[in-house]
Amino acid sequence: MQKLFKFISLAFVLLTNPFSIFTAQADFVSYPNMGSANTQTYTFTATSTGEIGAYFLGSSAAYTNTVSLLVNGVITPESSSGLFNNHTSNFGDYIVFGHVNAGDTLTFQLNVSDTGQTWSSNTSQNTDHSNHIYSASYNGDSAQHIPAGTYIGFEDIYGGGDLDYNDESFLFTNISHVSPVPEPETYAMLLIGLGLIFGFTKHNRRKIRI
């Protein structure tokens, strides 16, 4: 009887508060290696000339954060004071971040009000030299009125915090692609691998001649 009562109570909450279901569905993109630093870096480029906007997808942060957009290194007037306050924005809110030209380089910036720190999608601009974002392409969800675009999730704590990259998440439209940029270690491993292959091949040729 007690279990039945709990079930009815839960069903009542879900039916009378559809936002709770909606919130559960909001996290449709997540960092696959939670707890481990994302070593992948990204570059973002505008697809076409016109407005660039974003949809707010949610936040797990206690800190108060906002987002800004830099186009070719210059912050847009629309986002200079920070947009998408994570404690006042609602899932699905849409905001225009500014005007872009096709091919413009885009950089996203998280502004943390509590600490005064800012974290960039460009790792080289971060004071802790850490990657503070996870990004992925998303095909869209018509049921939730979210179009296809580029998902970006931020970490707002020095060093990356808990490394789940969902302290503030949003989806941008009018971005041509997410371009993974290999880390220096990747190039080093590639060169080592090629060197080993070359050495093995050369050694085998010598054995055949003997």
N, C-alpha and C. Protein backbone atom coordinates (compact mmCIF):
# COMPACT_ATOMS: atom_id res chain seq x y z
N MET A 1 0.83 -1.20 0.00
CA MET A 1 0.00 0.00 0.00
C MET A 1 0.87 1.26 0.00
N GLN A 2 1.94 1.21 0.79
CA GLN A 2 2.84 2.36 0.87
C GLN A 2 3.53 2.61 -0.47
N LYS A 3 3.92 1.52 -1.17
CA LYS A 3 4.56 1.66 -2.47
C LYS A 3 3.59 2.25 -3.49
N LEU A 4 2.32 1.80 -3.41
CA LEU A 4 1.31 2.32 -4.33
C LEU A 4 1.11 3.81 -4.10
N PHE A 5 1.12 4.23 -2.84
CA PHE A 5 0.95 5.65 -2.51
C PHE A 5 2.10 6.48 -3.08
N LYS A 6 3.35 5.94 -2.95
CA LYS A 6 4.51 6.65 -3.49
C LYS A 6 4.42 6.78 -5.00
N PHE A 7 3.96 5.70 -5.64
CA PHE A 7 3.83 5.72 -7.10
C PHE A 7 2.82 6.75 -7.56
N ILE A 8 1.66 6.78 -6.85
CA ILE A 8 0.62 7.75 -7.21
C ILE A 8 1.12 9.17 -6.97
N SER A 9 1.85 9.38 -5.89
CA SER A 9 2.39 10.72 -5.58
C SER A 9 3.36 11.18 -6.65
N LEU A 10 4.25 10.27 -7.09
CA LEU A 10 5.21 10.60 -8.12
C LEU A 10 4.52 10.91 -9.43
N ALA A 11 3.52 10.11 -9.78
CA ALA A 11 2.77 10.34 -11.02
C ALA A 11 2.08 11.69 -10.98
N PHE A 12 1.55 12.05 -9.81
CA PHE A 12 0.85 13.33 -9.67
C PHE A 12 1.82 14.49 -9.88
N VAL A 13 3.02 14.39 -9.31
CA VAL A 13 4.03 15.45 -9.45
C VAL A 13 4.41 15.62 -10.91
N LEU A 14 4.62 14.51 -11.62
CA LEU A 14 5.03 14.57 -13.02
C LEU A 14 3.94 15.14 -13.91
N LEU A 15 2.69 14.76 -13.61
CA LEU A 15 1.58 15.23 -14.43
C LEU A 15 1.26 16.69 -14.19
N THR A 16 1.39 17.13 -12.95
CA THR A 16 1.07 18.52 -12.63
C THR A 16 2.24 19.46 -12.81
N ASN A 17 3.45 18.90 -13.03
CA ASN A 17 4.63 19.73 -13.23
C ASN A 17 5.40 19.21 -14.44
N PRO A 18 4.90 19.47 -15.65
CA PRO A 18 5.56 18.97 -16.85
C PRO A 18 6.97 19.49 -17.00
N PHE A 19 7.30 20.60 -16.34
CA PHE A 19 8.65 21.15 -16.46
C PHE A 19 9.68 20.18 -15.91
N SER A 20 9.26 19.36 -14.90
CA SER A 20 10.20 18.40 -14.33
C SER A 20 10.61 17.38 -15.37
N ILE A 21 9.66 16.96 -16.23
CA ILE A 21 9.97 16.04 -17.31
C ILE A 21 10.83 16.74 -18.34
N PHE A 22 10.48 17.97 -18.63
CA PHE A 22 11.21 18.74 -19.63
C PHE A 22 12.65 18.94 -19.22
N THR A 23 12.87 19.20 -17.93
CA THR A 23 14.21 19.39 -17.42
C THR A 23 15.02 18.11 -17.56
N ALA A 24 14.38 16.98 -17.30
CA ALA A 24 15.07 15.71 -17.41
C ALA A 24 15.52 15.44 -18.84
N GLN A 25 14.73 15.95 -19.81
CA GLN A 25 15.06 15.75 -21.21
C GLN A 25 16.08 16.76 -21.72
N ALA A 26 16.31 17.81 -20.93
CA ALA A 26 17.14 18.90 -21.41
C ALA A 26 18.59 18.49 -21.65
N ASP A 27 19.05 17.52 -20.85
CA ASP A 27 20.45 17.12 -20.95
C ASP A 27 20.62 16.08 -22.06
N PHE A 28 20.30 16.49 -23.31
CA PHE A 28 20.34 15.54 -24.42
C PHE A 28 21.72 15.39 -25.01
N VAL A 29 22.65 16.23 -24.62
CA VAL A 29 24.05 16.06 -25.00
C VAL A 29 24.87 16.11 -23.73
N SER A 30 25.76 15.17 -23.55
CA SER A 30 26.57 15.17 -22.34
C SER A 30 28.00 14.74 -22.67
N TYR A 31 28.92 15.23 -21.86
CA TYR A 31 30.32 14.88 -22.03
C TYR A 31 30.50 13.39 -21.72
N PRO A 32 31.05 12.61 -22.63
CA PRO A 32 31.11 11.16 -22.45
C PRO A 32 32.13 10.66 -21.43
N ASN A 33 33.09 11.52 -21.05
CA ASN A 33 34.15 11.08 -20.13
C ASN A 33 34.15 11.90 -18.85
N MET A 34 33.00 11.97 -18.21
CA MET A 34 32.87 12.80 -17.01
C MET A 34 33.90 12.44 -15.95
N GLY A 35 34.50 13.47 -15.37
CA GLY A 35 35.53 13.27 -14.36
C GLY A 35 36.93 13.29 -14.92
N SER A 36 37.03 13.24 -16.25
CA SER A 36 38.34 13.32 -16.92
C SER A 36 38.39 14.58 -17.76
N ALA A 37 39.54 15.22 -17.78
CA ALA A 37 39.68 16.46 -18.54
C ALA A 37 39.48 16.22 -20.04
N ASN A 38 38.78 17.13 -20.68
CA ASN A 38 38.61 17.07 -22.13
C ASN A 38 39.86 17.66 -22.78
N THR A 39 40.66 16.84 -23.41
CA THR A 39 41.90 17.31 -24.04
C THR A 39 41.67 17.79 -25.47
N GLN A 40 40.43 17.63 -25.96
CA GLN A 40 40.14 18.06 -27.32
C GLN A 40 39.89 19.57 -27.35
N THR A 41 40.52 20.25 -28.28
CA THR A 41 40.27 21.67 -28.46
C THR A 41 39.50 21.88 -29.76
N TYR A 42 38.91 23.07 -29.90
CA TYR A 42 37.99 23.30 -31.01
C TYR A 42 38.22 24.66 -31.65
N THR A 43 37.82 24.76 -32.92
CA THR A 43 37.71 26.06 -33.57
C THR A 43 36.29 26.16 -34.11
N PHE A 44 35.74 27.37 -34.09
CA PHE A 44 34.37 27.59 -34.53
C PHE A 44 34.35 28.66 -35.61
N THR A 45 33.56 28.45 -36.64
CA THR A 45 33.51 29.36 -37.78
C THR A 45 32.06 29.64 -38.15
N ALA A 46 31.77 30.89 -38.51
CA ALA A 46 30.41 31.25 -38.92
C ALA A 46 30.09 30.65 -40.29
N THR A 47 28.90 30.07 -40.41
CA THR A 47 28.48 29.45 -41.66
C THR A 47 28.17 30.48 -42.74
N SER A 48 27.35 31.46 -42.37
CA SER A 48 26.90 32.43 -43.36
C SER A 48 26.79 33.81 -42.74
N THR A 49 26.70 34.81 -43.58
CA THR A 49 26.55 36.19 -43.12
C THR A 49 25.15 36.40 -42.58
N GLY A 50 25.06 37.00 -41.40
CA GLY A 50 23.76 37.23 -40.78
C GLY A 50 23.85 37.16 -39.28
N GLU A 51 22.71 36.95 -38.65
CA GLU A 51 22.68 36.88 -37.19
C GLU A 51 23.17 35.52 -36.70
N ILE A 52 23.73 35.53 -35.52
CA ILE A 52 24.08 34.28 -34.87
C ILE A 52 23.39 34.26 -33.51
N GLY A 53 22.67 33.18 -33.27
CA GLY A 53 21.90 33.08 -32.04
C GLY A 53 22.13 31.77 -31.33
N ALA A 54 21.58 31.67 -30.12
CA ALA A 54 21.80 30.47 -29.32
C ALA A 54 20.57 30.16 -28.48
N TYR A 55 20.43 28.88 -28.14
CA TYR A 55 19.36 28.39 -27.27
C TYR A 55 19.98 27.97 -25.94
N PHE A 56 19.39 28.43 -24.85
CA PHE A 56 19.86 28.04 -23.53
C PHE A 56 19.37 26.63 -23.23
N LEU A 57 20.29 25.76 -22.77
CA LEU A 57 19.94 24.37 -22.52
C LEU A 57 19.98 23.97 -21.06
N GLY A 58 20.61 24.78 -20.23
CA GLY A 58 20.60 24.44 -18.82
C GLY A 58 21.90 24.75 -18.11
N SER A 59 21.90 24.51 -16.78
CA SER A 59 23.07 24.79 -15.97
C SER A 59 23.02 23.95 -14.70
N SER A 60 24.19 23.47 -14.28
CA SER A 60 24.28 22.73 -13.01
C SER A 60 25.10 23.50 -11.99
N ALA A 61 25.43 24.76 -12.30
CA ALA A 61 26.37 25.52 -11.48
C ALA A 61 25.70 26.30 -10.36
N ALA A 62 26.39 26.39 -9.23
CA ALA A 62 25.95 27.24 -8.14
C ALA A 62 26.36 28.69 -8.41
N TYR A 63 27.51 28.86 -9.07
CA TYR A 63 27.95 30.20 -9.43
C TYR A 63 27.00 30.81 -10.45
N THR A 64 27.00 32.15 -10.50
CA THR A 64 26.22 32.86 -11.50
C THR A 64 27.09 33.12 -12.72
N ASN A 65 26.66 32.65 -13.87
CA ASN A 65 27.44 32.75 -15.10
C ASN A 65 26.64 33.41 -16.22
N THR A 66 27.36 34.04 -17.12
CA THR A 66 26.77 34.54 -18.36
C THR A 66 27.71 34.19 -19.51
N VAL A 67 27.24 34.37 -20.72
CA VAL A 67 28.01 34.00 -21.91
C VAL A 67 28.17 35.19 -22.83
N SER A 68 29.35 35.30 -23.44
CA SER A 68 29.62 36.34 -24.44
C SER A 68 30.19 35.69 -25.69
N LEU A 69 30.06 36.39 -26.80
CA LEU A 69 30.58 35.92 -28.09
C LEU A 69 31.60 36.92 -28.62
N LEU A 70 32.76 36.41 -29.03
CA LEU A 70 33.76 37.24 -29.69
C LEU A 70 33.85 36.83 -31.15
N VAL A 71 33.79 37.81 -32.02
CA VAL A 71 33.90 37.56 -33.46
C VAL A 71 35.24 38.12 -33.92
N ASN A 72 36.10 37.24 -34.40
CA ASN A 72 37.46 37.63 -34.79
C ASN A 72 38.17 38.36 -33.67
N GLY A 73 37.93 37.89 -32.44
CA GLY A 73 38.62 38.44 -31.28
C GLY A 73 37.97 39.65 -30.64
N VAL A 74 36.86 40.12 -31.21
CA VAL A 74 36.18 41.31 -30.68
C VAL A 74 34.80 40.92 -30.15
N ILE A 75 34.52 41.28 -28.91
CA ILE A 75 33.24 40.93 -28.31
C ILE A 75 32.11 41.68 -28.98
N THR A 76 30.99 41.01 -29.21
CA THR A 76 29.86 41.66 -29.87
C THR A 76 29.17 42.61 -28.90
N PRO A 77 28.65 43.73 -29.40
CA PRO A 77 27.94 44.67 -28.52
C PRO A 77 26.77 44.01 -27.79
N GLU A 78 26.09 43.11 -28.49
CA GLU A 78 24.92 42.45 -27.89
C GLU A 78 25.28 41.61 -26.68
N SER A 79 26.49 41.04 -26.67
CA SER A 79 26.85 40.13 -25.59
C SER A 79 27.92 40.69 -24.66
N SER A 80 28.24 41.97 -24.80
CA SER A 80 29.34 42.55 -24.01
C SER A 80 29.07 42.52 -22.51
N SER A 81 27.80 42.62 -22.12
CA SER A 81 27.47 42.59 -20.69
C SER A 81 27.13 41.18 -20.22
N GLY A 82 27.19 40.21 -21.14
CA GLY A 82 26.91 38.82 -20.78
C GLY A 82 25.45 38.46 -20.99
N LEU A 83 25.20 37.33 -21.64
CA LEU A 83 23.84 36.86 -21.90
C LEU A 83 23.65 35.48 -21.27
N PHE A 84 22.40 35.05 -21.19
CA PHE A 84 22.06 33.74 -20.63
C PHE A 84 22.52 33.60 -19.19
N ASN A 85 22.05 34.49 -18.32
CA ASN A 85 22.30 34.28 -16.89
C ASN A 85 21.76 32.90 -16.51
N ASN A 86 22.62 32.06 -15.99
CA ASN A 86 22.23 30.66 -15.79
C ASN A 86 21.18 30.46 -14.70
N HIS A 87 20.96 31.47 -13.85
CA HIS A 87 19.96 31.33 -12.79
C HIS A 87 18.62 31.98 -13.13
N THR A 88 18.58 32.71 -14.23
CA THR A 88 17.32 33.35 -14.62
C THR A 88 16.83 32.91 -16.00
N SER A 89 17.68 32.22 -16.76
CA SER A 89 17.28 31.76 -18.10
C SER A 89 16.52 30.44 -17.99
N ASN A 90 15.65 30.22 -18.96
CA ASN A 90 14.88 28.99 -19.01
C ASN A 90 15.28 28.14 -20.21
N PHE A 91 15.11 26.85 -20.08
CA PHE A 91 15.43 25.95 -21.17
C PHE A 91 14.68 26.37 -22.44
N GLY A 92 15.45 26.47 -23.53
CA GLY A 92 14.85 26.83 -24.82
C GLY A 92 14.84 28.31 -25.12
N ASP A 93 15.22 29.16 -24.14
CA ASP A 93 15.30 30.60 -24.41
C ASP A 93 16.25 30.85 -25.57
N TYR A 94 15.86 31.75 -26.46
CA TYR A 94 16.69 32.06 -27.64
C TYR A 94 17.11 33.52 -27.60
N ILE A 95 18.40 33.77 -27.87
CA ILE A 95 18.94 35.13 -27.88
C ILE A 95 19.87 35.29 -29.07
N VAL A 96 19.79 36.44 -29.72
CA VAL A 96 20.73 36.78 -30.80
C VAL A 96 21.98 37.37 -30.16
N PHE A 97 23.13 36.81 -30.49
CA PHE A 97 24.40 37.23 -29.91
C PHE A 97 25.13 38.27 -30.75
N GLY A 98 24.69 38.49 -31.97
CA GLY A 98 25.34 39.48 -32.81
C GLY A 98 25.28 39.14 -34.27
N HIS A 99 26.00 39.91 -35.06
CA HIS A 99 26.05 39.74 -36.51
C HIS A 99 27.42 39.21 -36.90
N VAL A 100 27.43 38.28 -37.86
CA VAL A 100 28.69 37.69 -38.32
C VAL A 100 28.73 37.67 -39.83
N ASN A 101 29.93 37.53 -40.35
CA ASN A 101 30.14 37.30 -41.77
C ASN A 101 30.62 35.87 -41.98
N ALA A 102 30.28 35.29 -43.08
CA ALA A 102 30.68 33.92 -43.36
C ALA A 102 32.20 33.78 -43.22
N GLY A 103 32.63 32.77 -42.49
CA GLY A 103 34.06 32.52 -42.31
C GLY A 103 34.66 33.18 -41.09
N ASP A 104 33.89 34.04 -40.40
CA ASP A 104 34.41 34.68 -39.18
C ASP A 104 34.78 33.62 -38.14
N THR A 105 35.84 33.90 -37.40
CA THR A 105 36.25 33.02 -36.30
C THR A 105 35.48 33.40 -35.05
N LEU A 106 34.86 32.41 -34.42
CA LEU A 106 34.02 32.66 -33.25
C LEU A 106 34.65 32.08 -32.00
N THR A 107 34.62 32.86 -30.93
CA THR A 107 35.12 32.42 -29.63
C THR A 107 34.05 32.67 -28.59
N PHE A 108 33.80 31.69 -27.75
CA PHE A 108 32.78 31.82 -26.71
C PHE A 108 33.45 32.02 -25.37
N GLN A 109 32.82 32.85 -24.54
CA GLN A 109 33.42 33.21 -23.25
C GLN A 109 32.40 33.07 -22.13
N LEU A 110 32.78 32.37 -21.08
CA LEU A 110 31.94 32.25 -19.90
C LEU A 110 32.41 33.27 -18.87
N ASN A 111 31.49 34.08 -18.38
CA ASN A 111 31.79 35.11 -17.38
C ASN A 111 31.25 34.65 -16.03
N VAL A 112 32.14 34.43 -15.07
CA VAL A 112 31.74 33.93 -13.75
C VAL A 112 31.67 35.11 -12.79
N SER A 113 30.45 35.50 -12.42
CA SER A 113 30.26 36.68 -11.58
C SER A 113 30.86 36.52 -10.20
N ASP A 114 30.75 35.34 -9.62
CA ASP A 114 31.19 35.11 -8.24
C ASP A 114 32.70 35.25 -8.06
N THR A 115 33.46 34.85 -9.07
CA THR A 115 34.93 34.88 -8.94
C THR A 115 35.58 35.97 -9.78
N GLY A 116 34.81 36.54 -10.71
CA GLY A 116 35.37 37.55 -11.60
C GLY A 116 36.21 36.96 -12.72
N GLN A 117 36.23 35.64 -12.82
CA GLN A 117 37.03 34.98 -13.85
C GLN A 117 36.24 34.82 -15.14
N THR A 118 36.96 34.74 -16.24
CA THR A 118 36.35 34.44 -17.53
C THR A 118 37.07 33.24 -18.13
N TRP A 119 36.31 32.37 -18.77
CA TRP A 119 36.88 31.19 -19.40
C TRP A 119 36.49 31.17 -20.87
N SER A 120 37.47 30.89 -21.70
CA SER A 120 37.29 30.98 -23.15
C SER A 120 37.22 29.59 -23.78
N SER A 121 36.52 29.52 -24.92
CA SER A 121 36.53 28.28 -25.69
C SER A 121 37.88 28.06 -26.34
N ASN A 122 38.70 29.11 -26.36
CA ASN A 122 40.08 29.02 -26.84
C ASN A 122 40.99 28.79 -25.64
N THR A 123 41.45 27.55 -25.48
CA THR A 123 42.22 27.16 -24.29
C THR A 123 43.42 28.05 -24.04
N SER A 124 44.07 28.52 -25.09
CA SER A 124 45.28 29.33 -24.94
C SER A 124 45.01 30.66 -24.24
N GLN A 125 43.74 31.07 -24.18
CA GLN A 125 43.39 32.34 -23.54
C GLN A 125 43.02 32.18 -22.07
N ASN A 126 43.01 30.96 -21.57
CA ASN A 126 42.63 30.72 -20.18
C ASN A 126 43.85 30.79 -19.26
N THR A 127 43.68 31.45 -18.13
CA THR A 127 44.80 31.66 -17.21
C THR A 127 45.29 30.36 -16.58
N ASP A 128 44.43 29.34 -16.52
CA ASP A 128 44.85 28.06 -15.95
C ASP A 128 45.32 27.09 -17.03
N HIS A 129 45.30 27.56 -18.29
CA HIS A 129 45.74 26.75 -19.43
C HIS A 129 44.94 25.46 -19.57
N SER A 130 43.70 25.47 -19.06
CA SER A 130 42.84 24.29 -19.12
C SER A 130 41.73 24.49 -20.15
N ASN A 131 41.26 23.39 -20.68
CA ASN A 131 40.12 23.44 -21.58
C ASN A 131 38.85 23.48 -20.73
N HIS A 132 38.01 24.48 -20.95
CA HIS A 132 36.81 24.64 -20.15
C HIS A 132 35.53 24.30 -20.90
N ILE A 133 35.64 23.71 -22.11
CA ILE A 133 34.43 23.39 -22.85
C ILE A 133 34.44 21.96 -23.39
N TYR A 134 33.23 21.50 -23.65
CA TYR A 134 33.02 20.30 -24.47
C TYR A 134 32.03 20.70 -25.54
N SER A 135 32.28 20.29 -26.77
CA SER A 135 31.39 20.67 -27.87
C SER A 135 31.12 19.48 -28.78
N ALA A 136 29.94 19.48 -29.37
CA ALA A 136 29.57 18.41 -30.30
C ALA A 136 28.47 18.91 -31.22
N SER A 137 28.39 18.34 -32.40
CA SER A 137 27.31 18.65 -33.32
C SER A 137 26.03 17.99 -32.82
N TYR A 138 24.90 18.67 -33.05
CA TYR A 138 23.61 18.11 -32.63
C TYR A 138 22.61 18.23 -33.77
N ASN A 139 21.85 17.17 -34.00
CA ASN A 139 20.95 17.11 -35.15
C ASN A 139 19.61 17.80 -34.94
N GLY A 140 19.35 18.23 -33.72
CA GLY A 140 18.09 18.92 -33.45
C GLY A 140 17.05 18.00 -32.82
N ASP A 141 16.03 18.62 -32.22
CA ASP A 141 14.94 17.88 -31.60
C ASP A 141 13.66 18.70 -31.78
N SER A 142 12.85 18.30 -32.75
CA SER A 142 11.64 19.05 -33.07
C SER A 142 10.64 19.03 -31.92
N ALA A 143 10.62 17.95 -31.15
CA ALA A 143 9.69 17.85 -30.03
C ALA A 143 9.97 18.92 -28.98
N GLN A 144 11.25 19.28 -28.82
CA GLN A 144 11.62 20.30 -27.84
C GLN A 144 11.89 21.65 -28.50
N HIS A 145 11.62 21.72 -29.82
CA HIS A 145 11.78 22.97 -30.57
C HIS A 145 13.22 23.48 -30.54
N ILE A 146 14.16 22.54 -30.58
CA ILE A 146 15.58 22.87 -30.64
C ILE A 146 16.09 22.45 -32.02
N PRO A 147 16.64 23.39 -32.81
CA PRO A 147 17.10 23.04 -34.16
C PRO A 147 18.48 22.38 -34.13
N ALA A 148 18.92 21.96 -35.27
CA ALA A 148 20.29 21.44 -35.38
C ALA A 148 21.27 22.58 -35.16
N GLY A 149 22.41 22.24 -34.59
CA GLY A 149 23.41 23.27 -34.33
C GLY A 149 24.63 22.70 -33.64
N THR A 150 25.33 23.56 -32.96
CA THR A 150 26.55 23.17 -32.26
C THR A 150 26.36 23.33 -30.76
N TYR A 151 26.45 22.21 -30.05
CA TYR A 151 26.30 22.21 -28.60
C TYR A 151 27.62 22.59 -27.95
N ILE A 152 27.54 23.43 -26.90
CA ILE A 152 28.72 23.81 -26.13
C ILE A 152 28.37 23.77 -24.65
N GLY A 153 29.19 23.08 -23.87
CA GLY A 153 29.02 23.05 -22.43
C GLY A 153 30.28 23.55 -21.75
N PHE A 154 30.13 24.41 -20.74
CA PHE A 154 31.26 25.03 -20.06
C PHE A 154 31.48 24.50 -18.65
N GLU A 155 32.73 24.57 -18.20
CA GLU A 155 33.10 24.40 -16.80
C GLU A 155 33.47 25.78 -16.26
N ASP A 156 33.01 26.12 -15.04
CA ASP A 156 33.21 27.48 -14.54
C ASP A 156 34.22 27.61 -13.41
N ILE A 157 34.91 26.53 -13.06
CA ILE A 157 35.86 26.57 -11.95
C ILE A 157 37.29 26.42 -12.46
N TYR A 158 38.21 27.12 -11.81
CA TYR A 158 39.63 27.06 -12.14
C TYR A 158 40.10 25.60 -12.20
N GLY A 159 40.76 25.25 -13.28
CA GLY A 159 41.25 23.89 -13.44
C GLY A 159 40.23 22.91 -13.98
N GLY A 160 38.99 23.37 -14.16
CA GLY A 160 37.97 22.50 -14.74
C GLY A 160 36.97 21.92 -13.77
N GLY A 161 37.17 22.15 -12.47
CA GLY A 161 36.18 21.70 -11.49
C GLY A 161 35.94 20.20 -11.53
N ASP A 162 34.66 19.81 -11.62
CA ASP A 162 34.33 18.38 -11.59
C ASP A 162 34.38 17.74 -12.98
N LEU A 163 34.73 18.54 -14.00
CA LEU A 163 34.98 18.02 -15.34
C LEU A 163 33.78 17.28 -15.95
N ASP A 164 32.58 17.86 -15.75
CA ASP A 164 31.43 17.30 -16.43
C ASP A 164 30.92 18.24 -17.55
N TYR A 165 31.49 19.42 -17.60
CA TYR A 165 31.24 20.38 -18.68
C TYR A 165 29.76 20.66 -18.89
N ASN A 166 29.05 20.91 -17.79
CA ASN A 166 27.64 21.27 -17.91
C ASN A 166 27.25 22.40 -16.95
N ASP A 167 28.26 23.19 -16.52
CA ASP A 167 27.95 24.32 -15.64
C ASP A 167 27.09 25.35 -16.37
N GLU A 168 27.28 25.46 -17.65
CA GLU A 168 26.34 26.22 -18.50
C GLU A 168 26.42 25.64 -19.90
N SER A 169 25.26 25.29 -20.44
CA SER A 169 25.25 24.68 -21.76
C SER A 169 24.25 25.38 -22.66
N PHE A 170 24.59 25.43 -23.94
CA PHE A 170 23.75 26.11 -24.92
C PHE A 170 24.02 25.54 -26.30
N LEU A 171 23.16 25.88 -27.24
CA LEU A 171 23.30 25.41 -28.61
C LEU A 171 23.28 26.60 -29.55
N PHE A 172 24.35 26.75 -30.34
CA PHE A 172 24.47 27.85 -31.29
C PHE A 172 24.10 27.40 -32.69
N THR A 173 23.43 28.28 -33.40
CA THR A 173 23.14 28.07 -34.81
C THR A 173 24.09 28.93 -35.65
N ASN A 174 24.15 28.66 -36.93
CA ASN A 174 24.99 29.42 -37.86
C ASN A 174 26.48 29.23 -37.59
N ILE A 175 26.82 28.01 -37.16
CA ILE A 175 28.23 27.63 -37.02
C ILE A 175 28.48 26.50 -37.99
N SER A 176 29.48 26.64 -38.84
CA SER A 176 29.69 25.69 -39.92
C SER A 176 30.13 24.32 -39.43
N HIS A 177 30.96 24.30 -38.42
CA HIS A 177 31.46 23.01 -37.96
C HIS A 177 32.20 23.17 -36.64
N VAL A 178 32.41 22.05 -36.01
CA VAL A 178 33.29 21.96 -34.85
C VAL A 178 34.54 21.27 -35.34
N SER A 179 35.64 21.96 -35.32
CA SER A 179 36.89 21.39 -35.86
C SER A 179 37.80 20.96 -34.73
N PRO A 180 37.89 19.66 -34.46
CA PRO A 180 38.83 19.21 -33.44
C PRO A 180 40.25 19.53 -33.86
N VAL A 181 41.01 20.11 -32.96
CA VAL A 181 42.41 20.43 -33.22
C VAL A 181 43.28 19.48 -32.41
N PRO A 182 44.09 18.63 -33.04
CA PRO A 182 44.91 17.67 -32.30
C PRO A 182 45.84 18.36 -31.31
N GLU A 183 45.99 17.76 -30.15
CA GLU A 183 46.92 18.27 -29.14
C GLU A 183 48.36 18.00 -29.60
N PRO A 184 49.34 18.76 -29.10
CA PRO A 184 50.75 18.51 -29.45
C PRO A 184 51.17 17.08 -29.18
N GLU A 185 50.64 16.48 -28.10
CA GLU A 185 50.98 15.10 -27.77
C GLU A 185 50.56 14.14 -28.88
N THR A 186 49.45 14.48 -29.55
CA THR A 186 48.97 13.63 -30.64
C THR A 186 49.96 13.62 -31.78
N TYR A 187 50.48 14.80 -32.12
CA TYR A 187 51.49 14.89 -33.19
C TYR A 187 52.75 14.12 -32.79
N ALA A 188 53.14 14.23 -31.52
CA ALA A 188 54.34 13.54 -31.05
C ALA A 188 54.19 12.03 -31.18
N MET A 189 53.04 11.51 -30.76
CA MET A 189 52.78 10.08 -30.85
C MET A 189 52.77 9.61 -32.30
N LEU A 190 52.22 10.46 -33.18
CA LEU A 190 52.18 10.12 -34.61
C LEU A 190 53.59 10.00 -35.17
N LEU A 191 54.44 10.97 -34.83
CA LEU A 191 55.82 10.95 -35.31
C LEU A 191 56.58 9.74 -34.78
N ILE A 192 56.36 9.41 -33.50
CA ILE A 192 57.01 8.24 -32.91
C ILE A 192 56.57 6.97 -33.63
N GLY A 193 55.26 6.89 -33.90
CA GLY A 193 54.73 5.72 -34.60
C GLY A 193 55.30 5.58 -36.00
N LEU A 194 55.40 6.68 -36.73
CA LEU A 194 55.96 6.64 -38.07
C LEU A 194 57.44 6.25 -38.02
N GLY A 195 58.14 6.75 -36.98
CA GLY A 195 59.56 6.41 -36.83
C GLY A 195 59.76 4.93 -36.58
N LEU A 196 58.89 4.35 -35.75
CA LEU A 196 58.99 2.91 -35.46
C LEU A 196 58.70 2.08 -36.70
N ILE A 197 57.69 2.50 -37.46
CA ILE A 197 57.36 1.77 -38.70
C ILE A 197 58.52 1.83 -39.68
N PHE A 198 59.09 3.04 -39.83
CA PHE A 198 60.23 3.21 -40.75
C PHE A 198 61.41 2.34 -40.32
N GLY A 199 61.70 2.34 -38.99
CA GLY A 199 62.82 1.55 -38.49
C GLY A 199 62.60 0.06 -38.67
N PHE A 200 61.38 -0.40 -38.43
CA PHE A 200 61.06 -1.83 -38.59
C PHE A 200 61.19 -2.25 -40.04
N THR A 201 60.69 -1.40 -40.95
CA THR A 201 60.76 -1.70 -42.38
C THR A 201 62.21 -1.78 -42.85
N LYS A 202 63.02 -0.82 -42.40
CA LYS A 202 64.44 -0.77 -42.78
C LYS A 202 65.18 -1.99 -42.26
N HIS A 203 64.86 -2.41 -41.01
CA HIS A 203 65.50 -3.57 -40.41
C HIS A 203 65.17 -4.85 -41.20
N ASN A 204 63.93 -4.98 -41.60
CA ASN A 204 63.51 -6.16 -42.36
C ASN A 204 64.20 -6.22 -43.73
N ARG A 205 64.39 -5.07 -44.36
CA ARG A 205 65.05 -5.03 -45.66
C ARG A 205 66.50 -5.52 -45.54
N ARG A 206 67.15 -5.13 -44.44
CA ARG A 206 68.53 -5.54 -44.22
C ARG A 206 68.62 -7.06 -44.03
N LYS A 207 67.66 -7.63 -43.31
CA LYS A 207 67.64 -9.07 -43.06
C LYS A 207 67.45 -9.85 -44.34
N ILE A 208 66.59 -9.32 -45.22
CA ILE A 208 66.32 -9.99 -46.49
C ILE A 208 67.58 -10.01 -47.35
N ARG A 209 68.34 -8.91 -47.37
CA ARG A 209 69.55 -8.83 -48.18
C ARG A 209 70.59 -9.82 -47.67
N ILE A 210 70.70 -9.98 -46.35
CA ILE A 210 71.69 -10.90 -45.78
C ILE A 210 71.30 -12.35 -46.09
